[in-house]
Amino acid sequence: MEEQETTFVVDGTEYELKYPEKRVEMAEASMGDKSIVEVFSTQPTLREIKTAAAYGLREVGQSAWVNPTKAIDIAGRALEELGRTSLMTLIADAVMRDCAFLFQEN
């Protein structure tokens, strides 16, 4: 299976979405303990989309994630530029790549 591209550019800076388990937990806590998988299976609010993107956001080539307050702003601009469906697809692709165990059925 070919790995999906999960990068985008905002204000001339290239960002990537990466979701180790801890970042998913942080996003879920910020969304009121709503499962990130549930976000994909329902009609997410704008806040949920921005939050899900923000907690996986880091500049390409950097090991540290963007500060959550700044990341929410960047995610909002990405939402405006890319559109809801495209940003949700990037988030879903990154979460499925990085935390595939969340989507496995037992």
PDB file of N, CA and C in Angstrom:
ATOM      1  N   MET A   1       0.835  -1.177   0.000  1.00  0.00           N
ATOM      2  CA  MET A   1       0.000   0.000   0.000  1.00  0.00           C
ATOM      3  C   MET A   1       0.881   1.242   0.000  1.00  0.00           C
ATOM      4  N   GLU A   2       0.592   2.165  -0.900  1.00  0.00           N
ATOM      5  CA  GLU A   2       1.381   3.382  -1.026  1.00  0.00           C
ATOM      6  C   GLU A   2       1.056   4.342   0.122  1.00  0.00           C
ATOM      7  N   GLU A   3       2.096   4.910   0.723  1.00  0.00           N
ATOM      8  CA  GLU A   3       1.897   5.847   1.829  1.00  0.00           C
ATOM      9  C   GLU A   3       1.356   7.160   1.286  1.00  0.00           C
ATOM     10  N   GLN A   4       0.325   7.662   1.940  1.00  0.00           N
ATOM     11  CA  GLN A   4      -0.312   8.908   1.528  1.00  0.00           C
ATOM     12  C   GLN A   4       0.508  10.106   1.990  1.00  0.00           C
ATOM     13  N   GLU A   5       0.521  11.138   1.188  1.00  0.00           N
ATOM     14  CA  GLU A   5       1.175  12.392   1.531  1.00  0.00           C
ATOM     15  C   GLU A   5       0.321  13.121   2.554  1.00  0.00           C
ATOM     16  N   THR A   6       0.899  13.535   3.644  1.00  0.00           N
ATOM     17  CA  THR A   6       0.144  14.221   4.696  1.00  0.00           C
ATOM     18  C   THR A   6       0.811  15.540   5.060  1.00  0.00           C
ATOM     19  N   THR A   7       1.191  16.298   4.036  1.00  0.00           N
ATOM     20  CA  THR A   7       1.800  17.605   4.249  1.00  0.00           C
ATOM     21  C   THR A   7       0.969  18.676   3.551  1.00  0.00           C
ATOM     22  N   PHE A   8       1.133  19.903   4.008  1.00  0.00           N
ATOM     23  CA  PHE A   8       0.484  21.049   3.377  1.00  0.00           C
ATOM     24  C   PHE A   8       1.287  22.292   3.732  1.00  0.00           C
ATOM     25  N   VAL A   9       1.056  23.367   2.999  1.00  0.00           N
ATOM     26  CA  VAL A   9       1.786  24.621   3.200  1.00  0.00           C
ATOM     27  C   VAL A   9       0.814  25.701   3.659  1.00  0.00           C
ATOM     28  N   VAL A  10       1.205  26.425   4.702  1.00  0.00           N
ATOM     29  CA  VAL A  10       0.464  27.594   5.180  1.00  0.00           C
ATOM     30  C   VAL A  10       1.482  28.714   5.362  1.00  0.00           C
ATOM     31  N   ASP A  11       1.208  29.856   4.759  1.00  0.00           N
ATOM     32  CA  ASP A  11       2.093  31.028   4.862  1.00  0.00           C
ATOM     33  C   ASP A  11       3.541  30.699   4.526  1.00  0.00           C
ATOM     34  N   GLY A  12       3.746  29.866   3.514  1.00  0.00           N
ATOM     35  CA  GLY A  12       5.087  29.545   3.048  1.00  0.00           C
ATOM     36  C   GLY A  12       5.833  28.508   3.867  1.00  0.00           C
ATOM     37  N   THR A  13       5.223  27.973   4.912  1.00  0.00           N
ATOM     38  CA  THR A  13       5.862  26.951   5.739  1.00  0.00           C
ATOM     39  C   THR A  13       5.181  25.615   5.480  1.00  0.00           C
ATOM     40  N   GLU A  14       5.988  24.588   5.262  1.00  0.00           N
ATOM     41  CA  GLU A  14       5.435  23.255   5.017  1.00  0.00           C
ATOM     42  C   GLU A  14       5.283  22.518   6.344  1.00  0.00           C
ATOM     43  N   TYR A  15       4.089  22.005   6.567  1.00  0.00           N
ATOM     44  CA  TYR A  15       3.756  21.270   7.784  1.00  0.00           C
ATOM     45  C   TYR A  15       3.415  19.836   7.427  1.00  0.00           C
ATOM     46  N   GLU A  16       3.625  18.953   8.394  1.00  0.00           N
ATOM     47  CA  GLU A  16       3.239  17.560   8.234  1.00  0.00           C
ATOM     48  C   GLU A  16       2.375  17.150   9.416  1.00  0.00           C
ATOM     49  N   LEU A  17       1.592  16.115   9.210  1.00  0.00           N
ATOM     50  CA  LEU A  17       0.766  15.557  10.268  1.00  0.00           C
ATOM     51  C   LEU A  17       1.362  14.221  10.686  1.00  0.00           C
ATOM     52  N   LYS A  18       1.690  14.100  11.961  1.00  0.00           N
ATOM     53  CA  LYS A  18       2.256  12.873  12.536  1.00  0.00           C
ATOM     54  C   LYS A  18       1.519  12.596  13.843  1.00  0.00           C
ATOM     55  N   TYR A  19       1.112  11.346  14.042  1.00  0.00           N
ATOM     56  CA  TYR A  19       0.299  11.010  15.209  1.00  0.00           C
ATOM     57  C   TYR A  19       0.810   9.792  15.973  1.00  0.00           C
ATOM     58  N   PRO A  20       1.850   9.961  16.770  1.00  0.00           N
ATOM     59  CA  PRO A  20       2.160   8.877  17.694  1.00  0.00           C
ATOM     60  C   PRO A  20       1.009   8.781  18.708  1.00  0.00           C
ATOM     61  N   GLU A  21       0.907   7.675  19.371  1.00  0.00           N
ATOM     62  CA  GLU A  21      -0.217   7.417  20.281  1.00  0.00           C
ATOM     63  C   GLU A  21      -0.444   8.552  21.280  1.00  0.00           C
ATOM     64  N   LYS A  22       0.611   9.097  21.847  1.00  0.00           N
ATOM     65  CA  LYS A  22       0.478  10.163  22.843  1.00  0.00           C
ATOM     66  C   LYS A  22      -0.207  11.397  22.260  1.00  0.00           C
ATOM     67  N   ARG A  23       0.091  11.745  21.010  1.00  0.00           N
ATOM     68  CA  ARG A  23      -0.537  12.911  20.382  1.00  0.00           C
ATOM     69  C   ARG A  23      -2.025  12.657  20.157  1.00  0.00           C
ATOM     70  N   VAL A  24      -2.393  11.434  19.816  1.00  0.00           N
ATOM     71  CA  VAL A  24      -3.810  11.087  19.662  1.00  0.00           C
ATOM     72  C   VAL A  24      -4.515  11.240  21.004  1.00  0.00           C
ATOM     73  N   GLU A  25      -3.886  10.759  22.071  1.00  0.00           N
ATOM     74  CA  GLU A  25      -4.475  10.892  23.407  1.00  0.00           C
ATOM     75  C   GLU A  25      -4.670  12.363  23.777  1.00  0.00           C
ATOM     76  N   MET A  26      -3.709  13.202  23.438  1.00  0.00           N
ATOM     77  CA  MET A  26      -3.815  14.626  23.733  1.00  0.00           C
ATOM     78  C   MET A  26      -4.963  15.262  22.948  1.00  0.00           C
ATOM     79  N   ALA A  27      -5.099  14.907  21.684  1.00  0.00           N
ATOM     80  CA  ALA A  27      -6.192  15.438  20.864  1.00  0.00           C
ATOM     81  C   ALA A  27      -7.539  14.997  21.428  1.00  0.00           C
ATOM     82  N   GLU A  28      -7.633  13.729  21.800  1.00  0.00           N
ATOM     83  CA  GLU A  28      -8.889  13.215  22.359  1.00  0.00           C
ATOM     84  C   GLU A  28      -9.245  13.930  23.656  1.00  0.00           C
ATOM     85  N   ALA A  29      -8.277  14.156  24.513  1.00  0.00           N
ATOM     86  CA  ALA A  29      -8.529  14.869  25.768  1.00  0.00           C
ATOM     87  C   ALA A  29      -9.011  16.287  25.493  1.00  0.00           C
ATOM     88  N   SER A  30      -8.425  16.925  24.497  1.00  0.00           N
ATOM     89  CA  SER A  30      -8.802  18.283  24.155  1.00  0.00           C
ATOM     90  C   SER A  30     -10.205  18.360  23.545  1.00  0.00           C
ATOM     91  N   MET A  31     -10.669  17.253  22.983  1.00  0.00           N
ATOM     92  CA  MET A  31     -12.012  17.201  22.394  1.00  0.00           C
ATOM     93  C   MET A  31     -13.034  16.635  23.382  1.00  0.00           C
ATOM     94  N   GLY A  32     -12.707  16.648  24.657  1.00  0.00           N
ATOM     95  CA  GLY A  32     -13.644  16.147  25.663  1.00  0.00           C
ATOM     96  C   GLY A  32     -13.697  14.637  25.711  1.00  0.00           C
ATOM     97  N   ASP A  33     -12.537  14.011  25.495  1.00  0.00           N
ATOM     98  CA  ASP A  33     -12.394  12.552  25.489  1.00  0.00           C
ATOM     99  C   ASP A  33     -13.208  11.867  24.388  1.00  0.00           C
ATOM    100  N   LYS A  34     -13.454  12.583  23.306  1.00  0.00           N
ATOM    101  CA  LYS A  34     -14.086  11.987  22.131  1.00  0.00           C
ATOM    102  C   LYS A  34     -13.005  11.253  21.346  1.00  0.00           C
ATOM    103  N   SER A  35     -13.255  10.008  21.010  1.00  0.00           N
ATOM    104  CA  SER A  35     -12.299   9.205  20.253  1.00  0.00           C
ATOM    105  C   SER A  35     -12.015   9.851  18.906  1.00  0.00           C
ATOM    106  N   ILE A  36     -10.757   9.864  18.510  1.00  0.00           N
ATOM    107  CA  ILE A  36     -10.408  10.423  17.203  1.00  0.00           C
ATOM    108  C   ILE A  36     -11.053   9.608  16.084  1.00  0.00           C
ATOM    109  N   VAL A  37     -11.250   8.313  16.303  1.00  0.00           N
ATOM    110  CA  VAL A  37     -11.939   7.473  15.315  1.00  0.00           C
ATOM    111  C   VAL A  37     -13.391   7.930  15.182  1.00  0.00           C
ATOM    112  N   GLU A  38     -14.002   8.296  16.301  1.00  0.00           N
ATOM    113  CA  GLU A  38     -15.384   8.787  16.291  1.00  0.00           C
ATOM    114  C   GLU A  38     -15.494  10.080  15.487  1.00  0.00           C
ATOM    115  N   VAL A  39     -14.463  10.903  15.528  1.00  0.00           N
ATOM    116  CA  VAL A  39     -14.472  12.149  14.760  1.00  0.00           C
ATOM    117  C   VAL A  39     -14.625  11.850  13.270  1.00  0.00           C
ATOM    118  N   PHE A  40     -14.000  10.776  12.812  1.00  0.00           N
ATOM    119  CA  PHE A  40     -14.079  10.438  11.390  1.00  0.00           C
ATOM    120  C   PHE A  40     -15.415   9.805  11.020  1.00  0.00           C
ATOM    121  N   SER A  41     -16.091   9.213  11.977  1.00  0.00           N
ATOM    122  CA  SER A  41     -17.341   8.504  11.674  1.00  0.00           C
ATOM    123  C   SER A  41     -18.581   9.365  11.921  1.00  0.00           C
ATOM    124  N   THR A  42     -18.387  10.612  12.354  1.00  0.00           N
ATOM    125  CA  THR A  42     -19.504  11.525  12.573  1.00  0.00           C
ATOM    126  C   THR A  42     -19.265  12.790  11.762  1.00  0.00           C
ATOM    127  N   GLN A  43     -20.174  13.706  11.863  1.00  0.00           N
ATOM    128  CA  GLN A  43     -19.998  15.008  11.223  1.00  0.00           C
ATOM    129  C   GLN A  43     -19.228  15.894  12.202  1.00  0.00           C
ATOM    130  N   PRO A  44     -17.908  16.011  12.051  1.00  0.00           N
ATOM    131  CA  PRO A  44     -17.126  16.758  13.036  1.00  0.00           C
ATOM    132  C   PRO A  44     -17.394  18.257  12.972  1.00  0.00           C
ATOM    133  N   THR A  45     -17.275  18.891  14.126  1.00  0.00           N
ATOM    134  CA  THR A  45     -17.386  20.341  14.183  1.00  0.00           C
ATOM    135  C   THR A  45     -16.089  20.956  13.662  1.00  0.00           C
ATOM    136  N   LEU A  46     -16.133  22.240  13.376  1.00  0.00           N
ATOM    137  CA  LEU A  46     -14.908  22.924  12.953  1.00  0.00           C
ATOM    138  C   LEU A  46     -13.850  22.831  14.040  1.00  0.00           C
ATOM    139  N   ARG A  47     -14.271  22.978  15.286  1.00  0.00           N
ATOM    140  CA  ARG A  47     -13.327  22.879  16.412  1.00  0.00           C
ATOM    141  C   ARG A  47     -12.665  21.503  16.447  1.00  0.00           C
ATOM    142  N   GLU A  48     -13.440  20.443  16.240  1.00  0.00           N
ATOM    143  CA  GLU A  48     -12.868  19.093  16.262  1.00  0.00           C
ATOM    144  C   GLU A  48     -11.884  18.882  15.124  1.00  0.00           C
ATOM    145  N   ILE A  49     -12.184  19.403  13.956  1.00  0.00           N
ATOM    146  CA  ILE A  49     -11.263  19.270  12.815  1.00  0.00           C
ATOM    147  C   ILE A  49      -9.958  20.001  13.122  1.00  0.00           C
ATOM    148  N   LYS A  50     -10.072  21.244  13.584  1.00  0.00           N
ATOM    149  CA  LYS A  50      -8.868  22.023  13.890  1.00  0.00           C
ATOM    150  C   LYS A  50      -8.067  21.382  15.023  1.00  0.00           C
ATOM    151  N   THR A  51      -8.750  20.871  16.026  1.00  0.00           N
ATOM    152  CA  THR A  51      -8.065  20.230  17.149  1.00  0.00           C
ATOM    153  C   THR A  51      -7.346  18.973  16.699  1.00  0.00           C
ATOM    154  N   ALA A  52      -8.023  18.147  15.914  1.00  0.00           N
ATOM    155  CA  ALA A  52      -7.404  16.911  15.426  1.00  0.00           C
ATOM    156  C   ALA A  52      -6.160  17.224  14.596  1.00  0.00           C
ATOM    157  N   ALA A  53      -6.238  18.241  13.750  1.00  0.00           N
ATOM    158  CA  ALA A  53      -5.076  18.627  12.943  1.00  0.00           C
ATOM    159  C   ALA A  53      -3.977  19.212  13.825  1.00  0.00           C
ATOM    160  N   ALA A  54      -4.351  20.071  14.755  1.00  0.00           N
ATOM    161  CA  ALA A  54      -3.368  20.783  15.565  1.00  0.00           C
ATOM    162  C   ALA A  54      -2.467  19.850  16.367  1.00  0.00           C
ATOM    163  N   TYR A  55      -3.030  18.788  16.924  1.00  0.00           N
ATOM    164  CA  TYR A  55      -2.227  17.907  17.777  1.00  0.00           C
ATOM    165  C   TYR A  55      -1.288  16.989  16.988  1.00  0.00           C
ATOM    166  N   GLY A  56      -1.439  16.941  15.682  1.00  0.00           N
ATOM    167  CA  GLY A  56      -0.503  16.172  14.865  1.00  0.00           C
ATOM    168  C   GLY A  56       0.436  17.042  14.057  1.00  0.00           C
ATOM    169  N   LEU A  57       0.383  18.349  14.260  1.00  0.00           N
ATOM    170  CA  LEU A  57       1.060  19.307  13.396  1.00  0.00           C
ATOM    171  C   LEU A  57       2.494  19.613  13.825  1.00  0.00           C
ATOM    172  N   ARG A  58       3.394  19.481  12.875  1.00  0.00           N
ATOM    173  CA  ARG A  58       4.769  19.933  13.081  1.00  0.00           C
ATOM    174  C   ARG A  58       5.346  20.362  11.737  1.00  0.00           C
ATOM    175  N   GLU A  59       6.347  21.221  11.804  1.00  0.00           N
ATOM    176  CA  GLU A  59       7.002  21.663  10.577  1.00  0.00           C
ATOM    177  C   GLU A  59       7.787  20.492   9.997  1.00  0.00           C
ATOM    178  N   VAL A  60       7.771  20.385   8.687  1.00  0.00           N
ATOM    179  CA  VAL A  60       8.536  19.328   8.023  1.00  0.00           C
ATOM    180  C   VAL A  60      10.001  19.489   8.402  1.00  0.00           C
ATOM    181  N   GLY A  61      10.620  18.396   8.795  1.00  0.00           N
ATOM    182  CA  GLY A  61      12.028  18.394   9.162  1.00  0.00           C
ATOM    183  C   GLY A  61      12.287  18.667  10.640  1.00  0.00           C
ATOM    184  N   GLN A  62      11.250  18.994  11.387  1.00  0.00           N
ATOM    185  CA  GLN A  62      11.388  19.263  12.815  1.00  0.00           C
ATOM    186  C   GLN A  62      10.896  18.065  13.618  1.00  0.00           C
ATOM    187  N   SER A  63      11.470  17.856  14.794  1.00  0.00           N
ATOM    188  CA  SER A  63      11.021  16.746  15.630  1.00  0.00           C
ATOM    189  C   SER A  63       9.978  17.178  16.650  1.00  0.00           C
ATOM    190  N   ALA A  64       9.887  18.475  16.914  1.00  0.00           N
ATOM    191  CA  ALA A  64       8.922  18.973  17.896  1.00  0.00           C
ATOM    192  C   ALA A  64       7.622  19.374  17.208  1.00  0.00           C
ATOM    193  N   TRP A  65       6.522  19.130  17.917  1.00  0.00           N
ATOM    194  CA  TRP A  65       5.222  19.535  17.404  1.00  0.00           C
ATOM    195  C   TRP A  65       5.031  21.020  17.652  1.00  0.00           C
ATOM    196  N   VAL A  66       4.201  21.641  16.825  1.00  0.00           N
ATOM    197  CA  VAL A  66       3.894  23.063  16.969  1.00  0.00           C
ATOM    198  C   VAL A  66       3.096  23.260  18.257  1.00  0.00           C
ATOM    199  N   ASN A  67       3.378  24.346  18.970  1.00  0.00           N
ATOM    200  CA  ASN A  67       2.631  24.711  20.171  1.00  0.00           C
ATOM    201  C   ASN A  67       1.132  24.658  19.850  1.00  0.00           C
ATOM    202  N   PRO A  68       0.316  24.010  20.711  1.00  0.00           N
ATOM    203  CA  PRO A  68      -1.116  23.834  20.410  1.00  0.00           C
ATOM    204  C   PRO A  68      -1.875  25.114  20.079  1.00  0.00           C
ATOM    205  N   THR A  69      -1.591  26.215  20.761  1.00  0.00           N
ATOM    206  CA  THR A  69      -2.293  27.469  20.471  1.00  0.00           C
ATOM    207  C   THR A  69      -1.984  27.946  19.056  1.00  0.00           C
ATOM    208  N   LYS A  70      -0.718  27.929  18.688  1.00  0.00           N
ATOM    209  CA  LYS A  70      -0.309  28.316  17.334  1.00  0.00           C
ATOM    210  C   LYS A  70      -0.822  27.293  16.326  1.00  0.00           C
ATOM    211  N   ALA A  71      -0.797  26.016  16.694  1.00  0.00           N
ATOM    212  CA  ALA A  71      -1.229  24.961  15.785  1.00  0.00           C
ATOM    213  C   ALA A  71      -2.715  25.064  15.455  1.00  0.00           C
ATOM    214  N   ILE A  72      -3.543  25.471  16.421  1.00  0.00           N
ATOM    215  CA  ILE A  72      -4.975  25.658  16.161  1.00  0.00           C
ATOM    216  C   ILE A  72      -5.165  26.742  15.110  1.00  0.00           C
ATOM    217  N   ASP A  73      -4.400  27.825  15.226  1.00  0.00           N
ATOM    218  CA  ASP A  73      -4.470  28.907  14.246  1.00  0.00           C
ATOM    219  C   ASP A  73      -4.053  28.415  12.861  1.00  0.00           C
ATOM    220  N   ILE A  74      -2.954  27.689  12.795  1.00  0.00           N
ATOM    221  CA  ILE A  74      -2.467  27.158  11.516  1.00  0.00           C
ATOM    222  C   ILE A  74      -3.489  26.187  10.933  1.00  0.00           C
ATOM    223  N   ALA A  75      -4.049  25.336  11.778  1.00  0.00           N
ATOM    224  CA  ALA A  75      -5.060  24.382  11.312  1.00  0.00           C
ATOM    225  C   ALA A  75      -6.287  25.109  10.776  1.00  0.00           C
ATOM    226  N   GLY A  76      -6.659  26.213  11.406  1.00  0.00           N
ATOM    227  CA  GLY A  76      -7.778  27.009  10.914  1.00  0.00           C
ATOM    228  C   GLY A  76      -7.508  27.587   9.540  1.00  0.00           C
ATOM    229  N   ARG A  77      -6.286  28.069   9.340  1.00  0.00           N
ATOM    230  CA  ARG A  77      -5.921  28.603   8.020  1.00  0.00           C
ATOM    231  C   ARG A  77      -5.861  27.483   6.980  1.00  0.00           C
ATOM    232  N   ALA A  78      -5.361  26.308   7.389  1.00  0.00           N
ATOM    233  CA  ALA A  78      -5.332  25.166   6.476  1.00  0.00           C
ATOM    234  C   ALA A  78      -6.754  24.759   6.094  1.00  0.00           C
ATOM    235  N   LEU A  79      -7.655  24.795   7.046  1.00  0.00           N
ATOM    236  CA  LEU A  79      -9.053  24.462   6.791  1.00  0.00           C
ATOM    237  C   LEU A  79      -9.647  25.417   5.762  1.00  0.00           C
ATOM    238  N   GLU A  80      -9.362  26.704   5.909  1.00  0.00           N
ATOM    239  CA  GLU A  80      -9.853  27.699   4.951  1.00  0.00           C
ATOM    240  C   GLU A  80      -9.262  27.492   3.562  1.00  0.00           C
ATOM    241  N   GLU A  81      -7.965  27.170   3.506  1.00  0.00           N
ATOM    242  CA  GLU A  81      -7.290  27.033   2.214  1.00  0.00           C
ATOM    243  C   GLU A  81      -7.568  25.701   1.528  1.00  0.00           C
ATOM    244  N   LEU A  82      -7.576  24.618   2.306  1.00  0.00           N
ATOM    245  CA  LEU A  82      -7.728  23.285   1.723  1.00  0.00           C
ATOM    246  C   LEU A  82      -9.178  22.833   1.628  1.00  0.00           C
ATOM    247  N   GLY A  83      -9.986  23.324   2.536  1.00  0.00           N
ATOM    248  CA  GLY A  83     -11.365  22.864   2.624  1.00  0.00           C
ATOM    249  C   GLY A  83     -11.481  21.717   3.622  1.00  0.00           C
ATOM    250  N   ARG A  84     -12.687  21.562   4.123  1.00  0.00           N
ATOM    251  CA  ARG A  84     -12.974  20.574   5.162  1.00  0.00           C
ATOM    252  C   ARG A  84     -12.619  19.153   4.747  1.00  0.00           C
ATOM    253  N   THR A  85     -13.072  18.737   3.573  1.00  0.00           N
ATOM    254  CA  THR A  85     -12.868  17.359   3.132  1.00  0.00           C
ATOM    255  C   THR A  85     -11.386  17.045   2.950  1.00  0.00           C
ATOM    256  N   SER A  86     -10.649  17.951   2.328  1.00  0.00           N
ATOM    257  CA  SER A  86      -9.219  17.703   2.093  1.00  0.00           C
ATOM    258  C   SER A  86      -8.437  17.618   3.401  1.00  0.00           C
ATOM    259  N   LEU A  87      -8.731  18.528   4.343  1.00  0.00           N
ATOM    260  CA  LEU A  87      -8.009  18.485   5.615  1.00  0.00           C
ATOM    261  C   LEU A  87      -8.372  17.222   6.393  1.00  0.00           C
ATOM    262  N   MET A  88      -9.644  16.842   6.396  1.00  0.00           N
ATOM    263  CA  MET A  88     -10.048  15.614   7.083  1.00  0.00           C
ATOM    264  C   MET A  88      -9.374  14.390   6.455  1.00  0.00           C
ATOM    265  N   THR A  89      -9.222  14.392   5.152  1.00  0.00           N
ATOM    266  CA  THR A  89      -8.550  13.277   4.473  1.00  0.00           C
ATOM    267  C   THR A  89      -7.088  13.204   4.891  1.00  0.00           C
ATOM    268  N   LEU A  90      -6.410  14.350   4.973  1.00  0.00           N
ATOM    269  CA  LEU A  90      -5.015  14.365   5.415  1.00  0.00           C
ATOM    270  C   LEU A  90      -4.896  13.829   6.839  1.00  0.00           C
ATOM    271  N   ILE A  91      -5.794  14.276   7.722  1.00  0.00           N
ATOM    272  CA  ILE A  91      -5.766  13.812   9.114  1.00  0.00           C
ATOM    273  C   ILE A  91      -6.008  12.311   9.170  1.00  0.00           C
ATOM    274  N   ALA A  92      -7.029  11.841   8.468  1.00  0.00           N
ATOM    275  CA  ALA A  92      -7.370  10.406   8.478  1.00  0.00           C
ATOM    276  C   ALA A  92      -6.216   9.567   7.948  1.00  0.00           C
ATOM    277  N   ASP A  93      -5.608  10.003   6.857  1.00  0.00           N
ATOM    278  CA  ASP A  93      -4.479   9.260   6.285  1.00  0.00           C
ATOM    279  C   ASP A  93      -3.322   9.172   7.273  1.00  0.00           C
ATOM    280  N   ALA A  94      -3.034  10.288   7.953  1.00  0.00           N
ATOM    281  CA  ALA A  94      -1.923  10.306   8.909  1.00  0.00           C
ATOM    282  C   ALA A  94      -2.219   9.427  10.123  1.00  0.00           C
ATOM    283  N   VAL A  95      -3.441   9.499  10.649  1.00  0.00           N
ATOM    284  CA  VAL A  95      -3.795   8.670  11.805  1.00  0.00           C
ATOM    285  C   VAL A  95      -3.778   7.190  11.419  1.00  0.00           C
ATOM    286  N   MET A  96      -4.309   6.850  10.249  1.00  0.00           N
ATOM    287  CA  MET A  96      -4.301   5.440   9.816  1.00  0.00           C
ATOM    288  C   MET A  96      -2.872   4.939   9.607  1.00  0.00           C
ATOM    289  N   ARG A  97      -2.005   5.787   9.112  1.00  0.00           N
ATOM    290  CA  ARG A  97      -0.605   5.407   8.902  1.00  0.00           C
ATOM    291  C   ARG A  97       0.110   5.218  10.240  1.00  0.00           C
ATOM    292  N   ASP A  98      -0.079   6.168  11.152  1.00  0.00           N
ATOM    293  CA  ASP A  98       0.685   6.177  12.390  1.00  0.00           C
ATOM    294  C   ASP A  98       0.073   5.349  13.515  1.00  0.00           C
ATOM    295  N   CYS A  99      -1.230   5.158  13.489  1.00  0.00           N
ATOM    296  CA  CYS A  99      -1.935   4.415  14.554  1.00  0.00           C
ATOM    297  C   CYS A  99      -2.933   3.435  13.938  1.00  0.00           C
ATOM    298  N   ALA A 100      -2.448   2.610  13.033  1.00  0.00           N
ATOM    299  CA  ALA A 100      -3.325   1.674  12.327  1.00  0.00           C
ATOM    300  C   ALA A 100      -4.093   0.773  13.295  1.00  0.00           C
ATOM    301  N   PHE A 101      -3.540   0.512  14.464  1.00  0.00           N
ATOM    302  CA  PHE A 101      -4.194  -0.361  15.435  1.00  0.00           C
ATOM    303  C   PHE A 101      -5.557   0.174  15.856  1.00  0.00           C
ATOM    304  N   LEU A 102      -5.791   1.481  15.723  1.00  0.00           N
ATOM    305  CA  LEU A 102      -7.083   2.059  16.097  1.00  0.00           C
ATOM    306  C   LEU A 102      -8.213   1.603  15.170  1.00  0.00           C
ATOM    307  N   PHE A 103      -7.849   1.143  13.993  1.00  0.00           N
ATOM    308  CA  PHE A 103      -8.853   0.789  12.982  1.00  0.00           C
ATOM    309  C   PHE A 103      -8.980  -0.717  12.774  1.00  0.00           C
ATOM    310  N   GLN A 104      -8.240  -1.508  13.557  1.00  0.00           N
ATOM    311  CA  GLN A 104      -8.299  -2.961  13.424  1.00  0.00           C
ATOM    312  C   GLN A 104      -9.503  -3.507  14.167  1.00  0.00           C
ATOM    313  N   GLU A 105     -10.135  -4.475  13.548  1.00  0.00           N
ATOM    314  CA  GLU A 105     -11.232  -5.174  14.214  1.00  0.00           C
ATOM    315  C   GLU A 105     -10.710  -6.465  14.788  1.00  0.00           C
ATOM    316  N   ASN A 106     -11.155  -6.802  15.982  1.00  0.00           N
ATOM    317  CA  ASN A 106     -10.727  -8.043  16.623  1.00  0.00           C
ATOM    318  C   ASN A 106     -11.806  -9.090  16.525  1.00  0.00           C
TER     319      ASN A 106
END
